[in-house]
Amino acid sequence: MAGRGSRDRAERRSAGELEHEVLAALWAADRPLTPAEVQAGIDGALAYNTVHTILKRLYDKGLVLRDAEGRRGAYRAAKDAAQLTAEAMHEALDRGPDPIGALRRFVTGLSAEEERALRELLTADGA
């Protein structure tokens, strides 16, 4: 039993990873989900109480909404994945001392496909 505790700690996921798993299950659904449905959507890998706690934390952060109509206790994502990612990118740029430098380094790390998409977006906005 002594060795088991360290292995359990190593296999533990961070709160951010758990929140992402729950959000991914909500993004994949075409309707609000109950905590039990979210749990099933992530292969039952988390306890029901853990899923419920994560949903409450996400609700408190404004990242999920409770379904006011229809099924009681159902949740849906407040923002889609792209919107949430874009907001995180803006926040990261705002926190740094050199947002232009960070943006420059980010852009140089893009794949050819991502670079092409960015050029198309910038061209479309400039037209």
C-alpha atoms as a PDB file:
ATOM      1  CA  MET A   1       0.000   0.000   0.000  1.00  0.00           C
ATOM      2  CA  ALA A   2       2.945   2.323   0.544  1.00  0.00           C
ATOM      3  CA  GLY A   3       3.818   2.416  -3.168  1.00  0.00           C
ATOM      4  CA  ARG A   4       0.224   2.842  -4.252  1.00  0.00           C
ATOM      5  CA  GLY A   5      -0.175   6.398  -2.953  1.00  0.00           C
ATOM      6  CA  SER A   6       2.655   7.814  -5.039  1.00  0.00           C
ATOM      7  CA  ARG A   7       1.341   6.095  -8.167  1.00  0.00           C
ATOM      8  CA  ASP A   8      -2.159   7.477  -7.534  1.00  0.00           C
ATOM      9  CA  ARG A   9      -0.736  11.002  -7.178  1.00  0.00           C
ATOM     10  CA  ALA A  10       1.225  10.608 -10.427  1.00  0.00           C
ATOM     11  CA  GLU A  11      -1.921   9.503 -12.275  1.00  0.00           C
ATOM     12  CA  ARG A  12      -3.995  12.392 -10.941  1.00  0.00           C
ATOM     13  CA  ARG A  13      -5.076  14.987 -13.439  1.00  0.00           C
ATOM     14  CA  SER A  14      -5.043  18.694 -12.736  1.00  0.00           C
ATOM     15  CA  ALA A  15      -8.260  20.627 -12.215  1.00  0.00           C
ATOM     16  CA  GLY A  16      -7.711  22.297 -15.599  1.00  0.00           C
ATOM     17  CA  GLU A  17      -7.470  18.928 -17.342  1.00  0.00           C
ATOM     18  CA  LEU A  18     -10.654  17.717 -15.657  1.00  0.00           C
ATOM     19  CA  GLU A  19     -12.480  20.911 -16.578  1.00  0.00           C
ATOM     20  CA  HIS A  20     -11.360  20.506 -20.175  1.00  0.00           C
ATOM     21  CA  GLU A  21     -12.655  16.914 -20.273  1.00  0.00           C
ATOM     22  CA  VAL A  22     -16.039  18.036 -18.974  1.00  0.00           C
ATOM     23  CA  LEU A  23     -16.198  20.941 -21.434  1.00  0.00           C
ATOM     24  CA  ALA A  24     -15.229  18.604 -24.292  1.00  0.00           C
ATOM     25  CA  ALA A  25     -18.149  16.330 -23.400  1.00  0.00           C
ATOM     26  CA  LEU A  26     -20.513  19.325 -23.416  1.00  0.00           C
ATOM     27  CA  TRP A  27     -19.119  20.620 -26.736  1.00  0.00           C
ATOM     28  CA  ALA A  28     -19.647  17.196 -28.310  1.00  0.00           C
ATOM     29  CA  ALA A  29     -23.313  17.122 -27.293  1.00  0.00           C
ATOM     30  CA  ASP A  30     -26.118  18.724 -29.247  1.00  0.00           C
ATOM     31  CA  ARG A  31     -28.132  19.449 -26.103  1.00  0.00           C
ATOM     32  CA  PRO A  32     -27.589  20.206 -22.408  1.00  0.00           C
ATOM     33  CA  LEU A  33     -26.322  17.230 -20.394  1.00  0.00           C
ATOM     34  CA  THR A  34     -26.920  16.113 -16.830  1.00  0.00           C
ATOM     35  CA  PRO A  35     -23.896  15.347 -14.654  1.00  0.00           C
ATOM     36  CA  ALA A  36     -24.571  11.614 -15.156  1.00  0.00           C
ATOM     37  CA  GLU A  37     -24.541  12.078 -18.940  1.00  0.00           C
ATOM     38  CA  VAL A  38     -21.310  14.066 -18.740  1.00  0.00           C
ATOM     39  CA  GLN A  39     -19.828  11.282 -16.624  1.00  0.00           C
ATOM     40  CA  ALA A  40     -20.832   8.708 -19.248  1.00  0.00           C
ATOM     41  CA  GLY A  41     -19.491  10.981 -22.003  1.00  0.00           C
ATOM     42  CA  ILE A  42     -16.031  10.857 -20.483  1.00  0.00           C
ATOM     43  CA  ASP A  43     -16.214   7.057 -20.243  1.00  0.00           C
ATOM     44  CA  GLY A  44     -17.225   7.094 -16.590  1.00  0.00           C
ATOM     45  CA  ALA A  45     -13.593   7.759 -15.698  1.00  0.00           C
ATOM     46  CA  LEU A  46     -14.593  10.251 -13.004  1.00  0.00           C
ATOM     47  CA  ALA A  47     -16.883   9.782 -10.021  1.00  0.00           C
ATOM     48  CA  TYR A  48     -20.317  11.385 -10.296  1.00  0.00           C
ATOM     49  CA  ASN A  49     -19.547  13.730  -7.378  1.00  0.00           C
ATOM     50  CA  THR A  50     -16.335  14.845  -9.087  1.00  0.00           C
ATOM     51  CA  VAL A  51     -18.202  15.615 -12.315  1.00  0.00           C
ATOM     52  CA  HIS A  52     -20.857  17.521 -10.379  1.00  0.00           C
ATOM     53  CA  THR A  53     -18.192  19.549  -8.535  1.00  0.00           C
ATOM     54  CA  ILE A  54     -16.413  20.377 -11.792  1.00  0.00           C
ATOM     55  CA  LEU A  55     -19.693  21.489 -13.378  1.00  0.00           C
ATOM     56  CA  LYS A  56     -20.378  23.762 -10.391  1.00  0.00           C
ATOM     57  CA  ARG A  57     -16.890  25.285 -10.661  1.00  0.00           C
ATOM     58  CA  LEU A  58     -17.343  25.820 -14.401  1.00  0.00           C
ATOM     59  CA  TYR A  59     -20.743  27.402 -13.712  1.00  0.00           C
ATOM     60  CA  ASP A  60     -19.213  29.723 -11.097  1.00  0.00           C
ATOM     61  CA  LYS A  61     -16.578  30.750 -13.694  1.00  0.00           C
ATOM     62  CA  GLY A  62     -19.301  31.455 -16.277  1.00  0.00           C
ATOM     63  CA  LEU A  63     -18.066  28.691 -18.591  1.00  0.00           C
ATOM     64  CA  VAL A  64     -21.229  26.577 -18.420  1.00  0.00           C
ATOM     65  CA  LEU A  65     -24.891  27.455 -18.142  1.00  0.00           C
ATOM     66  CA  ARG A  66     -27.598  25.552 -16.315  1.00  0.00           C
ATOM     67  CA  ASP A  67     -30.520  24.648 -18.516  1.00  0.00           C
ATOM     68  CA  ALA A  68     -33.357  26.841 -17.290  1.00  0.00           C
ATOM     69  CA  GLU A  69     -35.896  25.121 -19.503  1.00  0.00           C
ATOM     70  CA  GLY A  70     -36.561  21.440 -19.834  1.00  0.00           C
ATOM     71  CA  ARG A  71     -34.341  19.058 -17.919  1.00  0.00           C
ATOM     72  CA  ARG A  72     -33.480  20.051 -14.403  1.00  0.00           C
ATOM     73  CA  GLY A  73     -29.794  19.984 -13.586  1.00  0.00           C
ATOM     74  CA  ALA A  74     -28.597  19.885 -17.193  1.00  0.00           C
ATOM     75  CA  TYR A  75     -25.624  21.945 -18.321  1.00  0.00           C
ATOM     76  CA  ARG A  76     -24.325  23.325 -21.599  1.00  0.00           C
ATOM     77  CA  ALA A  77     -21.149  25.167 -22.511  1.00  0.00           C
ATOM     78  CA  ALA A  78     -21.480  28.948 -22.430  1.00  0.00           C
ATOM     79  CA  LYS A  79     -18.851  29.349 -25.170  1.00  0.00           C
ATOM     80  CA  ASP A  80     -17.646  27.116 -27.963  1.00  0.00           C
ATOM     81  CA  ALA A  81     -14.104  25.741 -27.946  1.00  0.00           C
ATOM     82  CA  ALA A  82     -12.784  28.268 -30.467  1.00  0.00           C
ATOM     83  CA  GLN A  83     -14.155  31.222 -28.511  1.00  0.00           C
ATOM     84  CA  LEU A  84     -12.693  29.946 -25.243  1.00  0.00           C
ATOM     85  CA  THR A  85      -9.293  29.346 -26.872  1.00  0.00           C
ATOM     86  CA  ALA A  86      -9.284  32.810 -28.455  1.00  0.00           C
ATOM     87  CA  GLU A  87     -10.071  34.408 -25.087  1.00  0.00           C
ATOM     88  CA  ALA A  88      -7.225  32.466 -23.438  1.00  0.00           C
ATOM     89  CA  MET A  89      -4.846  33.646 -26.161  1.00  0.00           C
ATOM     90  CA  HIS A  90      -5.907  37.284 -25.656  1.00  0.00           C
ATOM     91  CA  GLU A  91      -5.473  36.952 -21.882  1.00  0.00           C
ATOM     92  CA  ALA A  92      -1.992  35.461 -22.339  1.00  0.00           C
ATOM     93  CA  LEU A  93      -0.994  38.332 -24.626  1.00  0.00           C
ATOM     94  CA  ASP A  94      -2.365  40.885 -22.171  1.00  0.00           C
ATOM     95  CA  ARG A  95      -0.418  39.385 -19.243  1.00  0.00           C
ATOM     96  CA  GLY A  96       2.992  39.449 -20.892  1.00  0.00           C
ATOM     97  CA  PRO A  97       5.356  42.408 -20.948  1.00  0.00           C
ATOM     98  CA  ASP A  98       5.862  42.142 -24.728  1.00  0.00           C
ATOM     99  CA  PRO A  99       2.625  41.082 -26.459  1.00  0.00           C
ATOM    100  CA  ILE A 100       3.980  41.857 -29.953  1.00  0.00           C
ATOM    101  CA  GLY A 101       7.080  39.741 -29.309  1.00  0.00           C
ATOM    102  CA  ALA A 102       4.924  36.898 -27.991  1.00  0.00           C
ATOM    103  CA  LEU A 103       2.651  37.157 -31.022  1.00  0.00           C
ATOM    104  CA  ARG A 104       5.666  37.141 -33.340  1.00  0.00           C
ATOM    105  CA  ARG A 105       7.003  33.958 -31.696  1.00  0.00           C
ATOM    106  CA  PHE A 106       3.557  32.366 -31.809  1.00  0.00           C
ATOM    107  CA  VAL A 107       3.172  33.061 -35.523  1.00  0.00           C
ATOM    108  CA  THR A 108       6.627  31.671 -36.362  1.00  0.00           C
ATOM    109  CA  GLY A 109       5.557  28.384 -34.752  1.00  0.00           C
ATOM    110  CA  LEU A 110       2.463  27.933 -36.916  1.00  0.00           C
ATOM    111  CA  SER A 111       2.151  25.022 -39.308  1.00  0.00           C
ATOM    112  CA  ALA A 112       1.918  25.803 -43.016  1.00  0.00           C
ATOM    113  CA  GLU A 113      -1.833  25.185 -42.905  1.00  0.00           C
ATOM    114  CA  GLU A 114      -2.310  27.461 -39.878  1.00  0.00           C
ATOM    115  CA  GLU A 115      -0.170  30.158 -41.497  1.00  0.00           C
ATOM    116  CA  ARG A 116      -2.218  29.954 -44.701  1.00  0.00           C
ATOM    117  CA  ALA A 117      -5.473  30.246 -42.723  1.00  0.00           C
ATOM    118  CA  LEU A 118      -4.121  33.242 -40.791  1.00  0.00           C
ATOM    119  CA  ARG A 119      -3.078  34.986 -44.016  1.00  0.00           C
ATOM    120  CA  GLU A 120      -6.557  34.388 -45.473  1.00  0.00           C
ATOM    121  CA  LEU A 121      -8.194  35.789 -42.339  1.00  0.00           C
ATOM    122  CA  LEU A 122      -5.986  38.872 -42.340  1.00  0.00           C
ATOM    123  CA  THR A 123      -6.577  39.450 -46.059  1.00  0.00           C
ATOM    124  CA  ALA A 124     -10.334  39.078 -45.643  1.00  0.00           C
ATOM    125  CA  ASP A 125     -10.365  41.568 -42.769  1.00  0.00           C
ATOM    126  CA  GLY A 126      -8.322  44.079 -44.759  1.00  0.00           C
ATOM    127  CA  ALA A 127     -10.578  43.919 -47.827  1.00  0.00           C
END
